[in-house]
Amino acid sequence: MQLAGAPIKTHFNWNKTRIDFVVSSVWGRAEILPIGFTHLMVVESFELRGPSGGVAAADIFYMVCVFRHLF
């Protein structure tokens, strides 16, 4: 099957109400922020709160990484 001369790869999950063209040779990914700990107000780990609103005996930290898909 072809559409405007371009081959179509069919799949059982294909949404037949939409046509997507992706040229993989110009598709890329840019790293905006490398993976690392979240730095919010110069703090890397945050205290957790219990159901009563008091400080729990635990800490939490987040690892973040930001990518942007380019095409």
C-alpha atoms as a PDB file:
ATOM      1  CA  MET A   1       0.000   0.000   0.000  1.00  0.00           C
ATOM      2  CA  GLN A   2       1.242   3.503  -0.840  1.00  0.00           C
ATOM      3  CA  LEU A   3       0.075   7.025  -0.138  1.00  0.00           C
ATOM      4  CA  ALA A   4       1.417   9.808  -2.388  1.00  0.00           C
ATOM      5  CA  GLY A   5       4.189   7.452  -3.472  1.00  0.00           C
ATOM      6  CA  ALA A   6       5.328   6.745   0.103  1.00  0.00           C
ATOM      7  CA  PRO A   7       5.100   3.174   1.389  1.00  0.00           C
ATOM      8  CA  ILE A   8       2.719   2.584   4.281  1.00  0.00           C
ATOM      9  CA  LYS A   9       3.501   0.119   7.042  1.00  0.00           C
ATOM     10  CA  THR A  10       0.257  -1.185   8.486  1.00  0.00           C
ATOM     11  CA  HIS A  11      -0.121  -2.216  12.119  1.00  0.00           C
ATOM     12  CA  PHE A  12      -3.058  -3.474  14.181  1.00  0.00           C
ATOM     13  CA  ASN A  13      -2.798  -0.350  16.431  1.00  0.00           C
ATOM     14  CA  TRP A  14      -2.824   1.997  13.449  1.00  0.00           C
ATOM     15  CA  ASN A  15      -5.200   4.955  13.839  1.00  0.00           C
ATOM     16  CA  LYS A  16      -6.818   5.026  10.405  1.00  0.00           C
ATOM     17  CA  THR A  17      -8.330   8.500  10.997  1.00  0.00           C
ATOM     18  CA  ARG A  18      -4.868  10.131  11.043  1.00  0.00           C
ATOM     19  CA  ILE A  19      -1.888  10.118   8.676  1.00  0.00           C
ATOM     20  CA  ASP A  20       1.575  10.437  10.243  1.00  0.00           C
ATOM     21  CA  PHE A  21       4.750  10.920   8.245  1.00  0.00           C
ATOM     22  CA  VAL A  22       8.035  10.600  10.116  1.00  0.00           C
ATOM     23  CA  VAL A  23      11.316  10.934   8.264  1.00  0.00           C
ATOM     24  CA  SER A  24      13.726   9.036  10.507  1.00  0.00           C
ATOM     25  CA  SER A  25      16.813  10.543   8.832  1.00  0.00           C
ATOM     26  CA  VAL A  26      15.936  14.022  10.175  1.00  0.00           C
ATOM     27  CA  TRP A  27      14.581  12.893  13.544  1.00  0.00           C
ATOM     28  CA  GLY A  28      16.846  13.550  16.520  1.00  0.00           C
ATOM     29  CA  ARG A  29      17.036  14.194  20.230  1.00  0.00           C
ATOM     30  CA  ALA A  30      18.715  17.050  22.091  1.00  0.00           C
ATOM     31  CA  GLU A  31      19.729  16.880  25.735  1.00  0.00           C
ATOM     32  CA  ILE A  32      18.625  20.119  27.411  1.00  0.00           C
ATOM     33  CA  LEU A  33      19.543  19.151  30.978  1.00  0.00           C
ATOM     34  CA  PRO A  34      21.803  16.167  31.750  1.00  0.00           C
ATOM     35  CA  ILE A  35      20.607  13.635  34.315  1.00  0.00           C
ATOM     36  CA  GLY A  36      21.215  14.669  37.900  1.00  0.00           C
ATOM     37  CA  PHE A  37      19.653  15.546  41.218  1.00  0.00           C
ATOM     38  CA  THR A  38      16.998  18.243  41.456  1.00  0.00           C
ATOM     39  CA  HIS A  39      18.446  21.421  42.959  1.00  0.00           C
ATOM     40  CA  LEU A  40      15.614  23.427  44.459  1.00  0.00           C
ATOM     41  CA  MET A  41      16.830  26.211  46.741  1.00  0.00           C
ATOM     42  CA  VAL A  42      20.268  24.458  46.886  1.00  0.00           C
ATOM     43  CA  VAL A  43      18.688  21.386  48.537  1.00  0.00           C
ATOM     44  CA  GLU A  44      19.035  17.937  46.953  1.00  0.00           C
ATOM     45  CA  SER A  45      16.772  15.936  49.283  1.00  0.00           C
ATOM     46  CA  PHE A  46      13.431  16.890  50.770  1.00  0.00           C
ATOM     47  CA  GLU A  47      11.772  15.804  54.012  1.00  0.00           C
ATOM     48  CA  LEU A  48       8.485  13.967  53.801  1.00  0.00           C
ATOM     49  CA  ARG A  49       5.386  14.799  55.799  1.00  0.00           C
ATOM     50  CA  GLY A  50       3.135  12.359  57.624  1.00  0.00           C
ATOM     51  CA  PRO A  51      -0.690  12.281  57.613  1.00  0.00           C
ATOM     52  CA  SER A  52      -0.812  14.774  60.489  1.00  0.00           C
ATOM     53  CA  GLY A  53       1.411  17.227  58.641  1.00  0.00           C
ATOM     54  CA  GLY A  54       4.429  16.578  60.857  1.00  0.00           C
ATOM     55  CA  VAL A  55       7.857  15.642  59.590  1.00  0.00           C
ATOM     56  CA  ALA A  56       8.152  11.924  58.774  1.00  0.00           C
ATOM     57  CA  ALA A  57      11.317   9.903  59.348  1.00  0.00           C
ATOM     58  CA  ALA A  58      12.156   9.809  55.642  1.00  0.00           C
ATOM     59  CA  ASP A  59      13.709  11.860  52.872  1.00  0.00           C
ATOM     60  CA  ILE A  60      13.030  11.876  49.151  1.00  0.00           C
ATOM     61  CA  PHE A  61      15.083  12.988  46.176  1.00  0.00           C
ATOM     62  CA  TYR A  62      14.330  13.306  42.481  1.00  0.00           C
ATOM     63  CA  MET A  63      16.494  12.557  39.449  1.00  0.00           C
ATOM     64  CA  VAL A  64      15.648  14.726  36.445  1.00  0.00           C
ATOM     65  CA  CYS A  65      16.637  14.702  32.795  1.00  0.00           C
ATOM     66  CA  VAL A  66      15.192  16.907  30.056  1.00  0.00           C
ATOM     67  CA  PHE A  67      15.140  15.922  26.380  1.00  0.00           C
ATOM     68  CA  ARG A  68      13.605  17.587  23.362  1.00  0.00           C
ATOM     69  CA  HIS A  69      12.762  15.699  20.196  1.00  0.00           C
ATOM     70  CA  LEU A  70      13.880  17.519  17.092  1.00  0.00           C
ATOM     71  CA  PHE A  71      12.543  17.060  13.617  1.00  0.00           C
END
